[in-house]
Amino acid sequence: MPHEKFDASRLGRLDDETRFEYLNPEVMWGAAGQPDPAVIVDIGAGTGLFARRFARMCSSAVVYAADTEPKAIRWMRDHDDPTLAGRIVPLLDQETRIPLPDDTADMVVIINLHHAL
């Protein structure tokens, strides 16, 4: 619908790993100084594409993949990657609040979300 912020028909495109060619997670990780976080929060996670990649890059981290769109949360749950052993936690948030206790995150990522703000 035209009034919706999120176009669910774009989910497959948002989950396309060719996005890594111009939004390279390894470059981002390097710019952050090769961190070793226990908890990562991906705000505006969409399909969880980057959340999954960061979980693979930091094999001990739990990644909260937060999004305001219930369709995106369902997508992440329906496309769970069993190799990540439940370390991706889809999380429905609000535009002004992420339902996690203060001081939960060791690292927060927000990738390509500016167009929705």
Protein backbone atom coordinates (compact mmCIF):
# COMPACT_ATOMS: atom_id res chain seq x y z
CA MET A 1 0.00 0.00 0.00
CA PRO A 2 1.26 3.50 -0.74
CA HIS A 3 1.08 4.68 2.89
CA GLU A 4 3.28 1.86 4.19
CA LYS A 5 6.90 2.65 4.99
CA PHE A 6 8.04 -0.80 3.99
CA ASP A 7 7.47 -2.50 0.66
CA ALA A 8 7.41 -6.25 1.39
CA SER A 9 7.95 -7.02 -2.29
CA ARG A 10 11.55 -5.82 -1.79
CA LEU A 11 12.46 -8.44 0.83
CA GLY A 12 14.23 -10.70 -1.65
CA ARG A 13 16.23 -7.78 -3.03
CA LEU A 14 17.16 -6.66 0.50
CA ASP A 15 18.43 -10.17 1.23
CA ASP A 16 20.66 -10.30 -1.84
CA GLU A 17 24.32 -10.79 -0.90
CA THR A 18 25.43 -8.80 -3.94
CA ARG A 19 24.73 -5.79 -1.69
CA PHE A 20 28.01 -6.67 0.01
CA GLU A 21 29.84 -5.50 -3.12
CA TYR A 22 29.05 -1.87 -2.27
CA LEU A 23 28.29 -2.20 1.45
CA ASN A 24 31.20 -4.40 2.48
CA PRO A 25 30.83 -5.79 6.03
CA GLU A 26 34.54 -6.61 6.25
CA VAL A 27 35.43 -2.96 5.59
CA MET A 28 32.94 -1.87 8.26
CA TRP A 29 34.36 -4.42 10.70
CA GLY A 30 37.90 -3.24 10.00
CA ALA A 31 36.91 0.40 10.48
CA ALA A 32 35.54 -0.54 13.89
CA GLY A 33 38.97 -1.90 14.84
CA GLN A 34 38.18 -5.62 14.53
CA PRO A 35 35.91 -5.65 17.60
CA ASP A 36 35.03 -8.71 19.65
CA PRO A 37 31.53 -7.88 20.96
CA ALA A 38 29.38 -10.33 22.90
CA VAL A 39 26.17 -8.55 21.86
CA ILE A 40 25.53 -6.69 18.61
CA VAL A 41 22.33 -4.77 17.88
CA ASP A 42 21.52 -4.23 14.21
CA ILE A 43 18.98 -1.39 14.04
CA GLY A 44 16.84 -1.46 10.91
CA ALA A 45 17.95 -5.02 10.18
CA GLY A 46 15.40 -5.68 7.44
CA THR A 47 15.94 -9.29 6.40
CA GLY A 48 18.88 -9.77 8.76
CA LEU A 49 21.38 -9.92 5.89
CA PHE A 50 24.03 -7.90 7.72
CA ALA A 51 23.10 -9.34 11.12
CA ARG A 52 23.90 -12.82 9.79
CA ARG A 53 27.19 -11.66 8.29
CA PHE A 54 28.28 -9.97 11.52
CA ALA A 55 27.31 -13.09 13.48
CA ARG A 56 29.58 -15.12 11.22
CA MET A 57 32.40 -12.58 11.65
CA CYS A 58 32.13 -12.73 15.44
CA SER A 59 31.38 -16.36 16.19
CA SER A 60 30.56 -15.86 19.86
CA ALA A 61 28.25 -12.84 19.51
CA VAL A 62 24.49 -12.77 19.85
CA VAL A 63 22.98 -10.39 17.30
CA TYR A 64 19.67 -8.68 17.94
CA ALA A 65 18.25 -7.92 14.49
CA ALA A 66 15.83 -5.10 15.29
CA ASP A 67 13.27 -3.72 12.88
CA THR A 68 9.99 -1.82 13.13
CA GLU A 69 8.38 -3.87 10.37
CA PRO A 70 6.57 -7.08 11.43
CA LYS A 71 6.98 -8.46 7.87
CA ALA A 72 10.75 -8.19 8.19
CA ILE A 73 10.69 -9.95 11.57
CA ARG A 74 8.61 -12.78 10.07
CA TRP A 75 11.04 -13.00 7.14
CA MET A 76 13.99 -13.40 9.51
CA ARG A 77 12.20 -16.09 11.49
CA ASP A 78 11.09 -17.91 8.33
CA HIS A 79 14.62 -17.78 6.88
CA ASP A 80 16.56 -18.66 10.01
CA ASP A 81 20.09 -19.89 9.31
CA PRO A 82 20.62 -23.08 11.35
CA THR A 83 24.41 -22.71 11.07
CA LEU A 84 24.19 -19.70 13.36
CA ALA A 85 22.72 -21.81 16.17
CA GLY A 86 20.03 -19.31 17.17
CA ARG A 87 22.49 -16.43 17.61
CA ILE A 88 20.31 -14.10 15.50
CA VAL A 89 17.41 -12.79 17.57
CA PRO A 90 14.76 -11.00 15.47
CA LEU A 91 13.40 -8.15 17.56
CA LEU A 92 10.40 -5.97 16.79
CA ASP A 93 11.27 -2.47 17.88
CA GLN A 94 9.63 0.92 17.73
CA GLU A 95 10.92 4.00 15.98
CA THR A 96 11.92 5.54 19.29
CA ARG A 97 12.65 2.47 21.41
CA ILE A 98 14.44 -0.85 21.20
CA PRO A 99 13.04 -3.26 23.78
CA LEU A 100 16.34 -4.20 25.39
CA PRO A 101 17.74 -3.20 28.77
CA ASP A 102 20.20 -0.31 28.84
CA ASP A 103 23.83 -1.35 28.40
CA THR A 104 22.90 -4.53 26.48
CA ALA A 105 24.88 -3.81 23.32
CA ASP A 106 28.62 -3.95 22.96
CA MET A 107 28.23 -2.80 19.37
CA VAL A 108 25.40 -1.14 17.43
CA VAL A 109 25.17 -1.09 13.66
CA ILE A 110 22.81 0.94 11.50
CA ILE A 111 23.29 0.25 7.81
CA ASN A 112 21.59 2.16 5.02
CA LEU A 113 18.67 3.23 7.19
CA HIS A 114 18.89 6.97 6.53
CA HIS A 115 16.36 6.80 3.67
CA ALA A 116 13.65 5.66 6.10
CA LEU A 117 14.25 8.32 8.73
